[in-house]
Amino acid sequence: MMKIGKTLIAVLALGSLIAGFSGCKKEGPAERAGKALDNSAEKAGQQVEKAGDKIKGAIDDMKK
């Protein structure tokens, strides 16, 4: 009886893994939106960095 329970648990775990991996193939709308947000945040960060560099350059020019 104990062996049947362990086998059943192993089969269910394996089935869950297979179902999980097969669901990862398609990219859903939430994943696309998340990627778009990531890209937007990265671009905004780059723009902030550029602005910071310009400000620093302007301050350095004022000190001269």
N, C-alpha and C. Protein backbone atom coordinates (compact mmCIF):
# COMPACT_ATOMS: atom_id res chain seq x y z
N MET A 1 0.82 -1.20 0.00
CA MET A 1 0.00 0.00 0.00
C MET A 1 0.86 1.26 0.00
N MET A 2 1.95 1.26 0.75
CA MET A 2 2.83 2.42 0.85
C MET A 2 3.52 2.69 -0.47
N LYS A 3 3.86 1.66 -1.21
CA LYS A 3 4.54 1.82 -2.49
C LYS A 3 3.62 2.47 -3.52
N ILE A 4 2.35 2.15 -3.47
CA ILE A 4 1.38 2.73 -4.40
C ILE A 4 1.27 4.23 -4.15
N GLY A 5 1.27 4.65 -2.90
CA GLY A 5 1.17 6.07 -2.55
C GLY A 5 2.38 6.85 -3.04
N LYS A 6 3.57 6.28 -2.86
CA LYS A 6 4.79 6.94 -3.33
C LYS A 6 4.81 7.03 -4.85
N THR A 7 4.37 5.98 -5.51
CA THR A 7 4.33 5.97 -6.96
C THR A 7 3.33 7.02 -7.47
N LEU A 8 2.19 7.09 -6.81
CA LEU A 8 1.17 8.06 -7.20
C LEU A 8 1.69 9.49 -7.04
N ILE A 9 2.37 9.76 -5.94
CA ILE A 9 2.94 11.09 -5.71
C ILE A 9 3.99 11.40 -6.78
N ALA A 10 4.83 10.44 -7.11
CA ALA A 10 5.85 10.65 -8.14
C ALA A 10 5.21 10.93 -9.50
N VAL A 11 4.17 10.20 -9.84
CA VAL A 11 3.48 10.39 -11.12
C VAL A 11 2.83 11.78 -11.16
N LEU A 12 2.20 12.19 -10.07
CA LEU A 12 1.56 13.51 -10.02
C LEU A 12 2.60 14.63 -10.12
N ALA A 13 3.73 14.46 -9.45
CA ALA A 13 4.80 15.47 -9.51
C ALA A 13 5.34 15.58 -10.92
N LEU A 14 5.58 14.45 -11.56
CA LEU A 14 6.09 14.45 -12.93
C LEU A 14 5.07 15.09 -13.88
N GLY A 15 3.82 14.78 -13.69
CA GLY A 15 2.76 15.37 -14.52
C GLY A 15 2.69 16.88 -14.35
N SER A 16 2.88 17.35 -13.13
CA SER A 16 2.87 18.79 -12.88
C SER A 16 4.04 19.47 -13.57
N LEU A 17 5.20 18.85 -13.51
CA LEU A 17 6.37 19.42 -14.19
C LEU A 17 6.17 19.49 -15.70
N ILE A 18 5.65 18.43 -16.26
CA ILE A 18 5.42 18.39 -17.71
C ILE A 18 4.39 19.45 -18.10
N ALA A 19 3.33 19.58 -17.33
CA ALA A 19 2.31 20.60 -17.62
C ALA A 19 2.89 22.00 -17.49
N GLY A 20 3.73 22.20 -16.49
CA GLY A 20 4.35 23.52 -16.29
C GLY A 20 5.27 23.90 -17.42
N PHE A 21 6.08 22.97 -17.87
CA PHE A 21 7.01 23.27 -18.96
C PHE A 21 6.30 23.45 -20.29
N SER A 22 5.24 22.72 -20.51
CA SER A 22 4.53 22.87 -21.78
C SER A 22 3.80 24.21 -21.83
N GLY A 23 3.43 24.75 -20.69
CA GLY A 23 2.76 26.05 -20.65
C GLY A 23 3.70 27.21 -20.87
N CYS A 24 4.99 27.01 -20.78
CA CYS A 24 5.97 28.09 -20.90
C CYS A 24 6.34 28.40 -22.35
N LYS A 25 5.84 27.66 -23.29
CA LYS A 25 6.22 27.86 -24.68
C LYS A 25 5.60 29.13 -25.27
N LYS A 26 4.35 29.39 -24.95
CA LYS A 26 3.67 30.55 -25.51
C LYS A 26 3.83 31.74 -24.58
N GLU A 27 4.03 32.89 -25.18
CA GLU A 27 4.14 34.12 -24.40
C GLU A 27 2.78 34.80 -24.39
N GLY A 28 2.23 34.98 -23.22
CA GLY A 28 0.91 35.58 -23.09
C GLY A 28 0.97 37.09 -23.05
N PRO A 29 -0.18 37.72 -23.00
CA PRO A 29 -0.24 39.18 -23.00
C PRO A 29 0.42 39.79 -21.75
N ALA A 30 0.32 39.12 -20.62
CA ALA A 30 0.95 39.64 -19.41
C ALA A 30 2.47 39.63 -19.53
N GLU A 31 3.01 38.59 -20.13
CA GLU A 31 4.46 38.51 -20.33
C GLU A 31 4.94 39.58 -21.31
N ARG A 32 4.17 39.79 -22.37
CA ARG A 32 4.54 40.83 -23.33
C ARG A 32 4.48 42.21 -22.68
N ALA A 33 3.46 42.44 -21.87
CA ALA A 33 3.34 43.72 -21.17
C ALA A 33 4.50 43.90 -20.20
N GLY A 34 4.89 42.83 -19.51
CA GLY A 34 6.02 42.90 -18.59
C GLY A 34 7.31 43.22 -19.31
N LYS A 35 7.51 42.62 -20.46
CA LYS A 35 8.72 42.91 -21.24
C LYS A 35 8.71 44.35 -21.72
N ALA A 36 7.54 44.83 -22.13
CA ALA A 36 7.44 46.23 -22.58
C ALA A 36 7.76 47.18 -21.44
N LEU A 37 7.27 46.86 -20.23
CA LEU A 37 7.59 47.68 -19.07
C LEU A 37 9.07 47.66 -18.76
N ASP A 38 9.68 46.49 -18.86
CA ASP A 38 11.12 46.37 -18.62
C ASP A 38 11.90 47.22 -19.61
N ASN A 39 11.51 47.15 -20.87
CA ASN A 39 12.20 47.94 -21.90
C ASN A 39 12.02 49.43 -21.65
N SER A 40 10.81 49.83 -21.28
CA SER A 40 10.55 51.25 -21.01
C SER A 40 11.36 51.73 -19.82
N ALA A 41 11.43 50.93 -18.78
CA ALA A 41 12.21 51.31 -17.60
C ALA A 41 13.69 51.42 -17.93
N GLU A 42 14.18 50.53 -18.76
CA GLU A 42 15.59 50.57 -19.15
C GLU A 42 15.89 51.83 -19.97
N LYS A 43 14.99 52.15 -20.92
CA LYS A 43 15.18 53.35 -21.73
C LYS A 43 15.11 54.61 -20.87
N ALA A 44 14.18 54.63 -19.93
CA ALA A 44 14.06 55.79 -19.05
C ALA A 44 15.32 55.93 -18.20
N GLY A 45 15.86 54.83 -17.74
CA GLY A 45 17.09 54.87 -16.96
C GLY A 45 18.25 55.42 -17.78
N GLN A 46 18.31 55.05 -19.03
CA GLN A 46 19.37 55.56 -19.91
C GLN A 46 19.21 57.06 -20.12
N GLN A 47 17.99 57.51 -20.27
CA GLN A 47 17.74 58.94 -20.47
C GLN A 47 18.10 59.74 -19.22
N VAL A 48 17.78 59.19 -18.04
CA VAL A 48 18.13 59.85 -16.79
C VAL A 48 19.65 59.94 -16.65
N GLU A 49 20.32 58.88 -17.03
CA GLU A 49 21.78 58.87 -16.97
C GLU A 49 22.38 59.92 -17.91
N LYS A 50 21.83 60.02 -19.11
CA LYS A 50 22.31 61.04 -20.06
C LYS A 50 22.08 62.45 -19.50
N ALA A 51 20.90 62.67 -18.92
CA ALA A 51 20.60 63.98 -18.35
C ALA A 51 21.55 64.29 -17.20
N GLY A 52 21.86 63.31 -16.39
CA GLY A 52 22.80 63.50 -15.29
C GLY A 52 24.18 63.86 -15.81
N ASP A 53 24.60 63.22 -16.88
CA ASP A 53 25.89 63.54 -17.48
C ASP A 53 25.93 64.97 -18.00
N LYS A 54 24.81 65.40 -18.63
CA LYS A 54 24.75 66.76 -19.15
C LYS A 54 24.80 67.78 -18.00
N ILE A 55 24.08 67.49 -16.94
CA ILE A 55 24.08 68.40 -15.78
C ILE A 55 25.48 68.48 -15.18
N LYS A 56 26.10 67.34 -15.05
CA LYS A 56 27.47 67.32 -14.50
C LYS A 56 28.42 68.12 -15.39
N GLY A 57 28.27 67.97 -16.70
CA GLY A 57 29.11 68.72 -17.63
C GLY A 57 28.87 70.22 -17.50
N ALA A 58 27.60 70.60 -17.35
CA ALA A 58 27.27 72.02 -17.21
C ALA A 58 27.86 72.58 -15.91
N ILE A 59 27.80 71.82 -14.84
CA ILE A 59 28.36 72.26 -13.56
C ILE A 59 29.88 72.38 -13.67
N ASP A 60 30.49 71.42 -14.32
CA ASP A 60 31.95 71.48 -14.50
C ASP A 60 32.34 72.71 -15.31
N ASP A 61 31.52 73.05 -16.34
CA ASP A 61 31.81 74.23 -17.15
C ASP A 61 31.64 75.52 -16.34
N MET A 62 30.70 75.55 -15.43
CA MET A 62 30.46 76.74 -14.59
C MET A 62 31.61 76.96 -13.60
N LYS A 63 32.22 75.86 -13.19
CA LYS A 63 33.33 75.97 -12.21
C LYS A 63 34.58 76.56 -12.85
N LYS A 64 34.69 76.47 -14.16
CA LYS A 64 35.91 76.93 -14.84
C LYS A 64 35.95 78.42 -14.97
